[in-house]
PDB file of N, CA and C in Angstrom:
ATOM      1  N   VAL A   1       4.601  -8.286  -6.481  1.00  0.00           N
ATOM      2  CA  VAL A   1       4.587  -7.542  -5.234  1.00  0.00           C
ATOM      3  C   VAL A   1       5.506  -8.252  -4.252  1.00  0.00           C
ATOM      4  N   LEU A   2       6.423  -7.481  -3.687  1.00  0.00           N
ATOM      5  CA  LEU A   2       7.292  -8.031  -2.648  1.00  0.00           C
ATOM      6  C   LEU A   2       6.534  -7.913  -1.330  1.00  0.00           C
ATOM      7  N   ARG A   3       5.939  -9.003  -0.890  1.00  0.00           N
ATOM      8  CA  ARG A   3       5.032  -8.950   0.244  1.00  0.00           C
ATOM      9  C   ARG A   3       5.759  -8.844   1.580  1.00  0.00           C
ATOM     10  N   GLY A   4       6.755  -9.662   1.765  1.00  0.00           N
ATOM     11  CA  GLY A   4       7.355  -9.748   3.087  1.00  0.00           C
ATOM     12  C   GLY A   4       8.655  -8.997   3.223  1.00  0.00           C
ATOM     13  N   VAL A   5       9.013  -8.755   4.453  1.00  0.00           N
ATOM     14  CA  VAL A   5      10.268  -8.077   4.759  1.00  0.00           C
ATOM     15  C   VAL A   5      11.437  -8.888   4.216  1.00  0.00           C
ATOM     16  N   SER A   6      11.350 -10.214   4.295  1.00  0.00           N
ATOM     17  CA  SER A   6      12.449 -11.059   3.805  1.00  0.00           C
ATOM     18  C   SER A   6      12.618 -10.910   2.295  1.00  0.00           C
ATOM     19  N   HIS A   7      11.511 -10.760   1.549  1.00  0.00           N
ATOM     20  CA  HIS A   7      11.603 -10.559   0.099  1.00  0.00           C
ATOM     21  C   HIS A   7      12.256  -9.210  -0.217  1.00  0.00           C
ATOM     22  N   LYS A   8      11.925  -8.200   0.550  1.00  0.00           N
ATOM     23  CA  LYS A   8      12.516  -6.878   0.354  1.00  0.00           C
ATOM     24  C   LYS A   8      14.010  -6.916   0.678  1.00  0.00           C
ATOM     25  N   ARG A   9      14.356  -7.597   1.757  1.00  0.00           N
ATOM     26  CA  ARG A   9      15.768  -7.725   2.147  1.00  0.00           C
ATOM     27  C   ARG A   9      16.534  -8.466   1.056  1.00  0.00           C
ATOM     28  N   GLU A  10      15.935  -9.508   0.488  1.00  0.00           N
ATOM     29  CA  GLU A  10      16.594 -10.271  -0.578  1.00  0.00           C
ATOM     30  C   GLU A  10      16.813  -9.391  -1.816  1.00  0.00           C
ATOM     31  N   ALA A  11      15.826  -8.564  -2.174  1.00  0.00           N
ATOM     32  CA  ALA A  11      15.977  -7.661  -3.329  1.00  0.00           C
ATOM     33  C   ALA A  11      17.119  -6.683  -3.083  1.00  0.00           C
ATOM     34  N   PHE A  12      17.238  -6.205  -1.861  1.00  0.00           N
ATOM     35  CA  PHE A  12      18.347  -5.291  -1.543  1.00  0.00           C
ATOM     36  C   PHE A  12      19.687  -6.013  -1.645  1.00  0.00           C
ATOM     37  N   GLN A  13      19.768  -7.189  -1.046  1.00  0.00           N
ATOM     38  CA  GLN A  13      21.035  -7.915  -1.047  1.00  0.00           C
ATOM     39  C   GLN A  13      21.440  -8.340  -2.456  1.00  0.00           C
ATOM     40  N   ARG A  14      20.467  -8.734  -3.250  1.00  0.00           N
ATOM     41  CA  ARG A  14      20.784  -9.231  -4.591  1.00  0.00           C
ATOM     42  C   ARG A  14      21.105  -8.105  -5.573  1.00  0.00           C
ATOM     43  N   TRP A  15      20.328  -7.007  -5.514  1.00  0.00           N
ATOM     44  CA  TRP A  15      20.481  -5.941  -6.505  1.00  0.00           C
ATOM     45  C   TRP A  15      20.792  -4.574  -5.907  1.00  0.00           C
ATOM     46  N   GLN A  16      20.987  -4.497  -4.579  1.00  0.00           N
ATOM     47  CA  GLN A  16      21.174  -3.227  -3.884  1.00  0.00           C
ATOM     48  C   GLN A  16      19.983  -2.300  -4.143  1.00  0.00           C
ATOM     49  N   ALA A  17      18.807  -2.888  -4.262  1.00  0.00           N
ATOM     50  CA  ALA A  17      17.585  -2.138  -4.560  1.00  0.00           C
ATOM     51  C   ALA A  17      17.145  -1.350  -3.331  1.00  0.00           C
ATOM     52  N   LEU A  18      17.054  -0.046  -3.479  1.00  0.00           N
ATOM     53  CA  LEU A  18      16.537   0.801  -2.409  1.00  0.00           C
ATOM     54  C   LEU A  18      15.020   0.859  -2.468  1.00  0.00           C
ATOM     55  N   ALA A  19      14.470   0.621  -3.647  1.00  0.00           N
ATOM     56  CA  ALA A  19      13.021   0.578  -3.842  1.00  0.00           C
ATOM     57  C   ALA A  19      12.753  -0.296  -5.061  1.00  0.00           C
ATOM     58  N   VAL A  20      11.542  -0.831  -5.120  1.00  0.00           N
ATOM     59  CA  VAL A  20      11.136  -1.657  -6.246  1.00  0.00           C
ATOM     60  C   VAL A  20       9.903  -1.025  -6.866  1.00  0.00           C
ATOM     61  N   ASP A  21       9.978  -0.821  -8.175  1.00  0.00           N
ATOM     62  CA  ASP A  21       8.867  -0.223  -8.910  1.00  0.00           C
ATOM     63  C   ASP A  21       8.561  -1.122 -10.092  1.00  0.00           C
ATOM     64  N   MET A  22       7.482  -1.873  -9.985  1.00  0.00           N
ATOM     65  CA  MET A  22       7.111  -2.777 -11.065  1.00  0.00           C
ATOM     66  C   MET A  22       6.087  -2.145 -12.001  1.00  0.00           C
ATOM     67  N   GLU A  23       5.342  -1.198 -11.510  1.00  0.00           N
ATOM     68  CA  GLU A  23       4.241  -0.644 -12.288  1.00  0.00           C
ATOM     69  C   GLU A  23       4.685   0.251 -13.437  1.00  0.00           C
ATOM     70  N   SER A  24       5.850   0.851 -13.347  1.00  0.00           N
ATOM     71  CA  SER A  24       6.298   1.793 -14.372  1.00  0.00           C
ATOM     72  C   SER A  24       6.968   1.112 -15.562  1.00  0.00           C
ATOM     73  N   LEU A  25       7.123  -0.183 -15.519  1.00  0.00           N
ATOM     74  CA  LEU A  25       7.816  -0.889 -16.579  1.00  0.00           C
ATOM     75  C   LEU A  25       7.160  -0.670 -17.942  1.00  0.00           C
ATOM     76  N   GLY A  26       5.846  -0.718 -17.998  1.00  0.00           N
ATOM     77  CA  GLY A  26       5.150  -0.514 -19.265  1.00  0.00           C
ATOM     78  C   GLY A  26       5.432   0.854 -19.860  1.00  0.00           C
ATOM     79  N   ALA A  27       5.420   1.885 -19.032  1.00  0.00           N
ATOM     80  CA  ALA A  27       5.718   3.242 -19.505  1.00  0.00           C
ATOM     81  C   ALA A  27       7.165   3.339 -19.970  1.00  0.00           C
ATOM     82  N   ALA A  28       8.070   2.696 -19.251  1.00  0.00           N
ATOM     83  CA  ALA A  28       9.483   2.726 -19.625  1.00  0.00           C
ATOM     84  C   ALA A  28       9.695   2.056 -20.981  1.00  0.00           C
ATOM     85  N   ARG A  29       9.046   0.923 -21.183  1.00  0.00           N
ATOM     86  CA  ARG A  29       9.182   0.227 -22.465  1.00  0.00           C
ATOM     87  C   ARG A  29       8.611   1.054 -23.604  1.00  0.00           C
ATOM     88  N   ALA A  30       7.427   1.629 -23.399  1.00  0.00           N
ATOM     89  CA  ALA A  30       6.792   2.435 -24.450  1.00  0.00           C
ATOM     90  C   ALA A  30       7.659   3.638 -24.804  1.00  0.00           C
ATOM     91  N   ALA A  31       8.202   4.296 -23.796  1.00  0.00           N
ATOM     92  CA  ALA A  31       9.063   5.460 -24.040  1.00  0.00           C
ATOM     93  C   ALA A  31      10.332   5.033 -24.780  1.00  0.00           C
ATOM     94  N   SER A  32      10.913   3.936 -24.345  1.00  0.00           N
ATOM     95  CA  SER A  32      12.126   3.447 -24.991  1.00  0.00           C
ATOM     96  C   SER A  32      11.860   3.075 -26.445  1.00  0.00           C
ATOM     97  N   ASP A  33      10.755   2.380 -26.684  1.00  0.00           N
ATOM     98  CA  ASP A  33      10.397   1.990 -28.054  1.00  0.00           C
ATOM     99  C   ASP A  33      10.190   3.208 -28.944  1.00  0.00           C
ATOM    100  N   ALA A  34       9.683   4.290 -28.359  1.00  0.00           N
ATOM    101  CA  ALA A  34       9.423   5.515 -29.124  1.00  0.00           C
ATOM    102  C   ALA A  34      10.653   6.422 -29.183  1.00  0.00           C
ATOM    103  N   GLY A  35      11.736   6.030 -28.520  1.00  0.00           N
ATOM    104  CA  GLY A  35      12.936   6.856 -28.504  1.00  0.00           C
ATOM    105  C   GLY A  35      12.786   8.104 -27.658  1.00  0.00           C
ATOM    106  N   ALA A  36      11.846   8.090 -26.740  1.00  0.00           N
ATOM    107  CA  ALA A  36      11.575   9.260 -25.892  1.00  0.00           C
ATOM    108  C   ALA A  36      12.260   9.099 -24.536  1.00  0.00           C
ATOM    109  N   SER A  37      12.720  10.206 -23.984  1.00  0.00           N
ATOM    110  CA  SER A  37      13.247  10.171 -22.627  1.00  0.00           C
ATOM    111  C   SER A  37      12.063  10.252 -21.669  1.00  0.00           C
ATOM    112  N   TRP A  38      12.259   9.783 -20.485  1.00  0.00           N
ATOM    113  CA  TRP A  38      11.172   9.795 -19.515  1.00  0.00           C
ATOM    114  C   TRP A  38      11.751   9.727 -18.115  1.00  0.00           C
ATOM    115  N   GLN A  39      10.931  10.106 -17.164  1.00  0.00           N
ATOM    116  CA  GLN A  39      11.289  10.028 -15.750  1.00  0.00           C
ATOM    117  C   GLN A  39      10.071   9.546 -14.993  1.00  0.00           C
ATOM    118  N   VAL A  40      10.309   8.963 -13.864  1.00  0.00           N
ATOM    119  CA  VAL A  40       9.209   8.556 -12.997  1.00  0.00           C
ATOM    120  C   VAL A  40       9.548   8.978 -11.570  1.00  0.00           C
ATOM    121  N   VAL A  41       8.559   9.445 -10.865  1.00  0.00           N
ATOM    122  CA  VAL A  41       8.688   9.783  -9.448  1.00  0.00           C
ATOM    123  C   VAL A  41       7.612   8.980  -8.732  1.00  0.00           C
ATOM    124  N   ARG A  42       8.015   8.246  -7.738  1.00  0.00           N
ATOM    125  CA  ARG A  42       7.069   7.369  -7.051  1.00  0.00           C
ATOM    126  C   ARG A  42       7.065   7.662  -5.560  1.00  0.00           C
ATOM    127  N   GLY A  43       5.942   7.427  -4.945  1.00  0.00           N
ATOM    128  CA  GLY A  43       5.843   7.477  -3.492  1.00  0.00           C
ATOM    129  C   GLY A  43       5.922   6.054  -2.966  1.00  0.00           C
ATOM    130  N   ILE A  44       6.589   5.866  -1.865  1.00  0.00           N
ATOM    131  CA  ILE A  44       6.741   4.526  -1.293  1.00  0.00           C
ATOM    132  C   ILE A  44       5.781   4.381  -0.125  1.00  0.00           C
ATOM    133  N   THR A  45       4.904   3.392  -0.246  1.00  0.00           N
ATOM    134  CA  THR A  45       3.891   3.188   0.788  1.00  0.00           C
ATOM    135  C   THR A  45       4.275   2.101   1.780  1.00  0.00           C
ATOM    136  N   ASP A  46       5.163   1.219   1.383  1.00  0.00           N
ATOM    137  CA  ASP A  46       5.542   0.127   2.281  1.00  0.00           C
ATOM    138  C   ASP A  46       7.062   0.047   2.362  1.00  0.00           C
ATOM    139  N   PRO A  47       7.629   0.723   3.375  1.00  0.00           N
ATOM    140  CA  PRO A  47       9.080   0.707   3.534  1.00  0.00           C
ATOM    141  C   PRO A  47       9.599  -0.711   3.787  1.00  0.00           C
ATOM    142  N   ALA A  48      10.899  -0.857   3.683  1.00  0.00           N
ATOM    143  CA  ALA A  48      11.526  -2.181   3.754  1.00  0.00           C
ATOM    144  C   ALA A  48      11.193  -2.943   5.035  1.00  0.00           C
ATOM    145  N   HIS A  49      11.003  -2.252   6.137  1.00  0.00           N
ATOM    146  CA  HIS A  49      10.750  -2.941   7.404  1.00  0.00           C
ATOM    147  C   HIS A  49       9.286  -3.351   7.573  1.00  0.00           C
ATOM    148  N   MET A  50       8.431  -2.989   6.625  1.00  0.00           N
ATOM    149  CA  MET A  50       6.991  -3.239   6.770  1.00  0.00           C
ATOM    150  C   MET A  50       6.533  -4.356   5.825  1.00  0.00           C
ATOM    151  N   ALA A  51       5.947  -5.379   6.384  1.00  0.00           N
ATOM    152  CA  ALA A  51       5.362  -6.443   5.577  1.00  0.00           C
ATOM    153  C   ALA A  51       3.968  -6.007   5.119  1.00  0.00           C
ATOM    154  N   MET A  52       3.588  -6.439   3.941  1.00  0.00           N
ATOM    155  CA  MET A  52       2.238  -6.143   3.455  1.00  0.00           C
ATOM    156  C   MET A  52       1.242  -6.932   4.297  1.00  0.00           C
ATOM    157  N   PRO A  53       0.090  -6.345   4.610  1.00  0.00           N
ATOM    158  CA  PRO A  53      -0.876  -7.039   5.465  1.00  0.00           C
ATOM    159  C   PRO A  53      -1.540  -8.228   4.771  1.00  0.00           C
ATOM    160  N   LEU A  54      -1.574  -8.212   3.457  1.00  0.00           N
ATOM    161  CA  LEU A  54      -2.162  -9.288   2.663  1.00  0.00           C
ATOM    162  C   LEU A  54      -1.287  -9.529   1.445  1.00  0.00           C
ATOM    163  N   ASP A  55      -1.370 -10.716   0.894  1.00  0.00           N
ATOM    164  CA  ASP A  55      -0.722 -10.977  -0.386  1.00  0.00           C
ATOM    165  C   ASP A  55      -1.713 -10.547  -1.466  1.00  0.00           C
ATOM    166  N   PHE A  56      -1.550  -9.312  -1.937  1.00  0.00           N
ATOM    167  CA  PHE A  56      -2.499  -8.747  -2.895  1.00  0.00           C
ATOM    168  C   PHE A  56      -2.528  -9.514  -4.210  1.00  0.00           C
ATOM    169  N   ASN A  57      -1.478 -10.285  -4.494  1.00  0.00           N
ATOM    170  CA  ASN A  57      -1.470 -11.104  -5.704  1.00  0.00           C
ATOM    171  C   ASN A  57      -2.613 -12.123  -5.688  1.00  0.00           C
ATOM    172  N   LEU A  58      -3.022 -12.536  -4.501  1.00  0.00           N
ATOM    173  CA  LEU A  58      -4.103 -13.514  -4.379  1.00  0.00           C
ATOM    174  C   LEU A  58      -5.481 -12.904  -4.640  1.00  0.00           C
ATOM    175  N   TYR A  59      -5.555 -11.597  -4.692  1.00  0.00           N
ATOM    176  CA  TYR A  59      -6.840 -10.898  -4.841  1.00  0.00           C
ATOM    177  C   TYR A  59      -6.915 -10.155  -6.172  1.00  0.00           C
ATOM    178  N   MET A  60      -6.224 -10.682  -7.157  1.00  0.00           N
ATOM    179  CA  MET A  60      -6.237 -10.097  -8.502  1.00  0.00           C
ATOM    180  C   MET A  60      -7.042 -10.995  -9.432  1.00  0.00           C
ATOM    181  N   LYS A  61      -7.764 -10.356 -10.329  1.00  0.00           N
ATOM    182  CA  LYS A  61      -8.461 -11.090 -11.384  1.00  0.00           C
ATOM    183  C   LYS A  61      -8.459 -10.204 -12.618  1.00  0.00           C
ATOM    184  N   ASP A  62      -7.940 -10.738 -13.706  1.00  0.00           N
ATOM    185  CA  ASP A  62      -7.854  -9.990 -14.958  1.00  0.00           C
ATOM    186  C   ASP A  62      -7.117  -8.666 -14.776  1.00  0.00           C
ATOM    187  N   GLY A  63      -6.058  -8.678 -13.946  1.00  0.00           N
ATOM    188  CA  GLY A  63      -5.248  -7.489 -13.745  1.00  0.00           C
ATOM    189  C   GLY A  63      -5.855  -6.448 -12.820  1.00  0.00           C
ATOM    190  N   ARG A  64      -6.948  -6.777 -12.171  1.00  0.00           N
ATOM    191  CA  ARG A  64      -7.604  -5.826 -11.267  1.00  0.00           C
ATOM    192  C   ARG A  64      -7.699  -6.403  -9.866  1.00  0.00           C
ATOM    193  N   ILE A  65      -7.535  -5.514  -8.891  1.00  0.00           N
ATOM    194  CA  ILE A  65      -7.671  -5.931  -7.496  1.00  0.00           C
ATOM    195  C   ILE A  65      -9.153  -6.110  -7.177  1.00  0.00           C
ATOM    196  N   GLN A  66      -9.462  -7.205  -6.522  1.00  0.00           N
ATOM    197  CA  GLN A  66     -10.837  -7.487  -6.118  1.00  0.00           C
ATOM    198  C   GLN A  66     -11.056  -6.955  -4.698  1.00  0.00           C
ATOM    199  N   VAL A  67     -11.491  -5.719  -4.626  1.00  0.00           N
ATOM    200  CA  VAL A  67     -11.638  -5.026  -3.340  1.00  0.00           C
ATOM    201  C   VAL A  67     -12.582  -5.752  -2.384  1.00  0.00           C
ATOM    202  N   PRO A  68     -13.754  -6.234  -2.820  1.00  0.00           N
ATOM    203  CA  PRO A  68     -14.624  -6.930  -1.859  1.00  0.00           C
ATOM    204  C   PRO A  68     -13.945  -8.124  -1.190  1.00  0.00           C
ATOM    205  N   ARG A  69     -13.163  -8.874  -1.932  1.00  0.00           N
ATOM    206  CA  ARG A  69     -12.465 -10.025  -1.343  1.00  0.00           C
ATOM    207  C   ARG A  69     -11.414  -9.569  -0.331  1.00  0.00           C
ATOM    208  N   ILE A  70     -10.763  -8.450  -0.615  1.00  0.00           N
ATOM    209  CA  ILE A  70      -9.773  -7.915   0.325  1.00  0.00           C
ATOM    210  C   ILE A  70     -10.467  -7.487   1.614  1.00  0.00           C
ATOM    211  N   LEU A  71     -11.609  -6.825   1.477  1.00  0.00           N
ATOM    212  CA  LEU A  71     -12.345  -6.390   2.673  1.00  0.00           C
ATOM    213  C   LEU A  71     -12.787  -7.578   3.509  1.00  0.00           C
ATOM    214  N   ILE A  72     -13.258  -8.627   2.876  1.00  0.00           N
ATOM    215  CA  ILE A  72     -13.667  -9.830   3.612  1.00  0.00           C
ATOM    216  C   ILE A  72     -12.465 -10.428   4.340  1.00  0.00           C
ATOM    217  N   ALA A  73     -11.332 -10.519   3.662  1.00  0.00           N
ATOM    218  CA  ALA A  73     -10.126 -11.069   4.288  1.00  0.00           C
ATOM    219  C   ALA A  73      -9.680 -10.195   5.456  1.00  0.00           C
ATOM    220  N   ALA A  74      -9.750  -8.888   5.289  1.00  0.00           N
ATOM    221  CA  ALA A  74      -9.320  -7.973   6.352  1.00  0.00           C
ATOM    222  C   ALA A  74     -10.257  -8.043   7.552  1.00  0.00           C
ATOM    223  N   LEU A  75     -11.546  -8.086   7.278  1.00  0.00           N
ATOM    224  CA  LEU A  75     -12.507  -8.115   8.381  1.00  0.00           C
ATOM    225  C   LEU A  75     -12.471  -9.430   9.147  1.00  0.00           C
ATOM    226  N   SER A  76     -11.940 -10.479   8.528  1.00  0.00           N
ATOM    227  CA  SER A  76     -11.861 -11.770   9.207  1.00  0.00           C
ATOM    228  C   SER A  76     -10.626 -11.881  10.097  1.00  0.00           C
ATOM    229  N   SER A  77      -9.763 -10.868  10.072  1.00  0.00           N
ATOM    230  CA  SER A  77      -8.531 -10.928  10.849  1.00  0.00           C
ATOM    231  C   SER A  77      -8.153  -9.530  11.342  1.00  0.00           C
ATOM    232  N   PRO A  78      -8.310  -9.262  12.645  1.00  0.00           N
ATOM    233  CA  PRO A  78      -7.943  -7.944  13.166  1.00  0.00           C
ATOM    234  C   PRO A  78      -6.520  -7.508  12.807  1.00  0.00           C
ATOM    235  N   PRO A  79      -5.501  -8.389  12.861  1.00  0.00           N
ATOM    236  CA  PRO A  79      -4.161  -7.930  12.469  1.00  0.00           C
ATOM    237  C   PRO A  79      -4.108  -7.471  11.006  1.00  0.00           C
ATOM    238  N   ARG A  80      -4.818  -8.168  10.134  1.00  0.00           N
ATOM    239  CA  ARG A  80      -4.858  -7.736   8.731  1.00  0.00           C
ATOM    240  C   ARG A  80      -5.540  -6.387   8.603  1.00  0.00           C
ATOM    241  N   LEU A  81      -6.627  -6.205   9.324  1.00  0.00           N
ATOM    242  CA  LEU A  81      -7.363  -4.945   9.274  1.00  0.00           C
ATOM    243  C   LEU A  81      -6.466  -3.795   9.753  1.00  0.00           C
ATOM    244  N   LEU A  82      -5.757  -4.019  10.857  1.00  0.00           N
ATOM    245  CA  LEU A  82      -4.832  -2.997  11.360  1.00  0.00           C
ATOM    246  C   LEU A  82      -3.708  -2.742  10.347  1.00  0.00           C
ATOM    247  N   GLY A  83      -3.224  -3.812   9.707  1.00  0.00           N
ATOM    248  CA  GLY A  83      -2.189  -3.665   8.700  1.00  0.00           C
ATOM    249  C   GLY A  83      -2.662  -2.854   7.502  1.00  0.00           C
ATOM    250  N   LEU A  84      -3.913  -3.069   7.076  1.00  0.00           N
ATOM    251  CA  LEU A  84      -4.464  -2.281   5.971  1.00  0.00           C
ATOM    252  C   LEU A  84      -4.621  -0.811   6.372  1.00  0.00           C
ATOM    253  N   ALA A  85      -5.015  -0.585   7.622  1.00  0.00           N
ATOM    254  CA  ALA A  85      -5.135   0.797   8.102  1.00  0.00           C
ATOM    255  C   ALA A  85      -3.758   1.474   8.096  1.00  0.00           C
ATOM    256  N   ARG A  86      -2.727   0.759   8.540  1.00  0.00           N
ATOM    257  CA  ARG A  86      -1.358   1.292   8.531  1.00  0.00           C
ATOM    258  C   ARG A  86      -0.907   1.565   7.096  1.00  0.00           C
ATOM    259  N   LEU A  87      -1.208   0.642   6.183  1.00  0.00           N
ATOM    260  CA  LEU A  87      -0.858   0.838   4.777  1.00  0.00           C
ATOM    261  C   LEU A  87      -1.585   2.060   4.218  1.00  0.00           C
ATOM    262  N   GLY A  88      -2.825   2.259   4.625  1.00  0.00           N
ATOM    263  CA  GLY A  88      -3.580   3.443   4.192  1.00  0.00           C
ATOM    264  C   GLY A  88      -2.924   4.737   4.665  1.00  0.00           C
ATOM    265  N   ARG A  89      -2.457   4.748   5.910  1.00  0.00           N
ATOM    266  CA  ARG A  89      -1.766   5.937   6.425  1.00  0.00           C
ATOM    267  C   ARG A  89      -0.474   6.190   5.654  1.00  0.00           C
ATOM    268  N   HIS A  90       0.269   5.127   5.387  1.00  0.00           N
ATOM    269  CA  HIS A  90       1.502   5.272   4.611  1.00  0.00           C
ATOM    270  C   HIS A  90       1.195   5.762   3.198  1.00  0.00           C
ATOM    271  N   SER A  91       0.123   5.254   2.603  1.00  0.00           N
ATOM    272  CA  SER A  91      -0.265   5.685   1.252  1.00  0.00           C
ATOM    273  C   SER A  91      -0.623   7.158   1.235  1.00  0.00           C
ATOM    274  N   ALA A  92      -1.352   7.608   2.251  1.00  0.00           N
ATOM    275  CA  ALA A  92      -1.717   9.022   2.327  1.00  0.00           C
ATOM    276  C   ALA A  92      -0.471   9.896   2.477  1.00  0.00           C
ATOM    277  N   ALA A  93       0.477   9.456   3.296  1.00  0.00           N
ATOM    278  CA  ALA A  93       1.721  10.225   3.464  1.00  0.00           C
ATOM    279  C   ALA A  93       2.514  10.261   2.155  1.00  0.00           C
ATOM    280  N   ALA A  94       2.554   9.145   1.434  1.00  0.00           N
ATOM    281  CA  ALA A  94       3.266   9.106   0.152  1.00  0.00           C
ATOM    282  C   ALA A  94       2.585  10.031  -0.858  1.00  0.00           C
ATOM    283  N   ALA A  95       1.261  10.061  -0.851  1.00  0.00           N
ATOM    284  CA  ALA A  95       0.531  10.946  -1.770  1.00  0.00           C
ATOM    285  C   ALA A  95       0.827  12.411  -1.462  1.00  0.00           C
ATOM    286  N   ARG A  96       0.887  12.763  -0.175  1.00  0.00           N
ATOM    287  CA  ARG A  96       1.225  14.145   0.198  1.00  0.00           C
ATOM    288  C   ARG A  96       2.637  14.498  -0.244  1.00  0.00           C
ATOM    289  N   ALA A  97       3.572  13.570  -0.056  1.00  0.00           N
ATOM    290  CA  ALA A  97       4.962  13.820  -0.460  1.00  0.00           C
ATOM    291  C   ALA A  97       5.055  14.001  -1.977  1.00  0.00           C
ATOM    292  N   LEU A  98       4.321  13.192  -2.735  1.00  0.00           N
ATOM    293  CA  LEU A  98       4.325  13.341  -4.193  1.00  0.00           C
ATOM    294  C   LEU A  98       3.715  14.668  -4.610  1.00  0.00           C
ATOM    295  N   ALA A  99       2.630  15.064  -3.961  1.00  0.00           N
ATOM    296  CA  ALA A  99       1.996  16.352  -4.282  1.00  0.00           C
ATOM    297  C   ALA A  99       2.945  17.505  -3.987  1.00  0.00           C
ATOM    298  N   ASP A 100       3.643  17.439  -2.851  1.00  0.00           N
ATOM    299  CA  ASP A 100       4.620  18.482  -2.508  1.00  0.00           C
ATOM    300  C   ASP A 100       5.733  18.542  -3.551  1.00  0.00           C
ATOM    301  N   PHE A 101       6.233  17.370  -3.949  1.00  0.00           N
ATOM    302  CA  PHE A 101       7.278  17.332  -4.957  1.00  0.00           C
ATOM    303  C   PHE A 101       6.771  17.924  -6.276  1.00  0.00           C
ATOM    304  N   ALA A 102       5.580  17.516  -6.695  1.00  0.00           N
ATOM    305  CA  ALA A 102       5.027  18.001  -7.971  1.00  0.00           C
ATOM    306  C   ALA A 102       4.859  19.515  -7.948  1.00  0.00           C
ATOM    307  N   GLU A 103       4.431  20.051  -6.816  1.00  0.00           N
ATOM    308  CA  GLU A 103       4.263  21.501  -6.717  1.00  0.00           C
ATOM    309  C   GLU A 103       5.613  22.205  -6.827  1.00  0.00           C
ATOM    310  N   ARG A 104       6.620  21.708  -6.109  1.00  0.00           N
ATOM    311  CA  ARG A 104       7.956  22.318  -6.191  1.00  0.00           C
ATOM    312  C   ARG A 104       8.534  22.182  -7.602  1.00  0.00           C
ATOM    313  N   TRP A 105       8.341  21.042  -8.225  1.00  0.00           N
ATOM    314  CA  TRP A 105       8.840  20.800  -9.572  1.00  0.00           C
ATOM    315  C   TRP A 105       8.155  21.735 -10.572  1.00  0.00           C
ATOM    316  N   ALA A 106       6.831  21.900 -10.429  1.00  0.00           N
ATOM    317  CA  ALA A 106       6.096  22.766 -11.353  1.00  0.00           C
ATOM    318  C   ALA A 106       6.527  24.222 -11.201  1.00  0.00           C
ATOM    319  N   VAL A 107       6.715  24.667  -9.963  1.00  0.00           N
ATOM    320  CA  VAL A 107       7.140  26.049  -9.728  1.00  0.00           C
ATOM    321  C   VAL A 107       8.542  26.257 -10.289  1.00  0.00           C
ATOM    322  N   ARG A 108       9.439  25.338 -10.042  1.00  0.00           N
ATOM    323  CA  ARG A 108      10.793  25.444 -10.567  1.00  0.00           C
ATOM    324  C   ARG A 108      10.791  25.401 -12.093  1.00  0.00           C
ATOM    325  N   GLY A 109       9.969  24.530 -12.666  1.00  0.00           N
ATOM    326  CA  GLY A 109       9.881  24.422 -14.118  1.00  0.00           C
ATOM    327  C   GLY A 109       9.291  25.647 -14.764  1.00  0.00           C
ATOM    328  N   SER A 110       8.276  26.242 -14.146  1.00  0.00           N
ATOM    329  CA  SER A 110       7.650  27.424 -14.750  1.00  0.00           C
ATOM    330  C   SER A 110       8.531  28.669 -14.608  1.00  0.00           C
ATOM    331  N   ALA A 111       9.414  28.655 -13.605  1.00  0.00           N
ATOM    332  CA  ALA A 111      10.316  29.801 -13.416  1.00  0.00           C
ATOM    333  C   ALA A 111      11.349  29.887 -14.539  1.00  0.00           C
ATOM    334  N   GLY A 112      11.658  28.712 -15.133  1.00  0.00           N
ATOM    335  CA  GLY A 112      12.653  28.688 -16.178  1.00  0.00           C
ATOM    336  C   GLY A 112      12.093  28.969 -17.563  1.00  0.00           C
ATOM    337  N   ARG A 113      10.806  29.178 -17.666  1.00  0.00           N
ATOM    338  CA  ARG A 113      10.181  29.390 -18.982  1.00  0.00           C
ATOM    339  C   ARG A 113      10.069  30.839 -19.335  1.00  0.00           C
TER     340      ARG A 113
END
């Protein structure tokens, strides 16, 4: 996870990365191994100018986020709590954008059948 704005800026400067998607790597490898083509569409919840409110890497155990620990950390710091609320709003907006895209894609795809 690229937590800070400086890490995001470094990814852009080093690789001209407009976005970073680490979660789709497994699907990409599986598709490639199977000789299948694939596409991914992602919503961006934390734009380049926004730092993550917490280092979520610190709240992982066995590949899962430990939500109770995140809540305790957020409740112990008003700025973190506000940052999580902002991240939640961004996540909701990204989910709406993905749903809109999926609907347009499905309508366009079904029209060609």
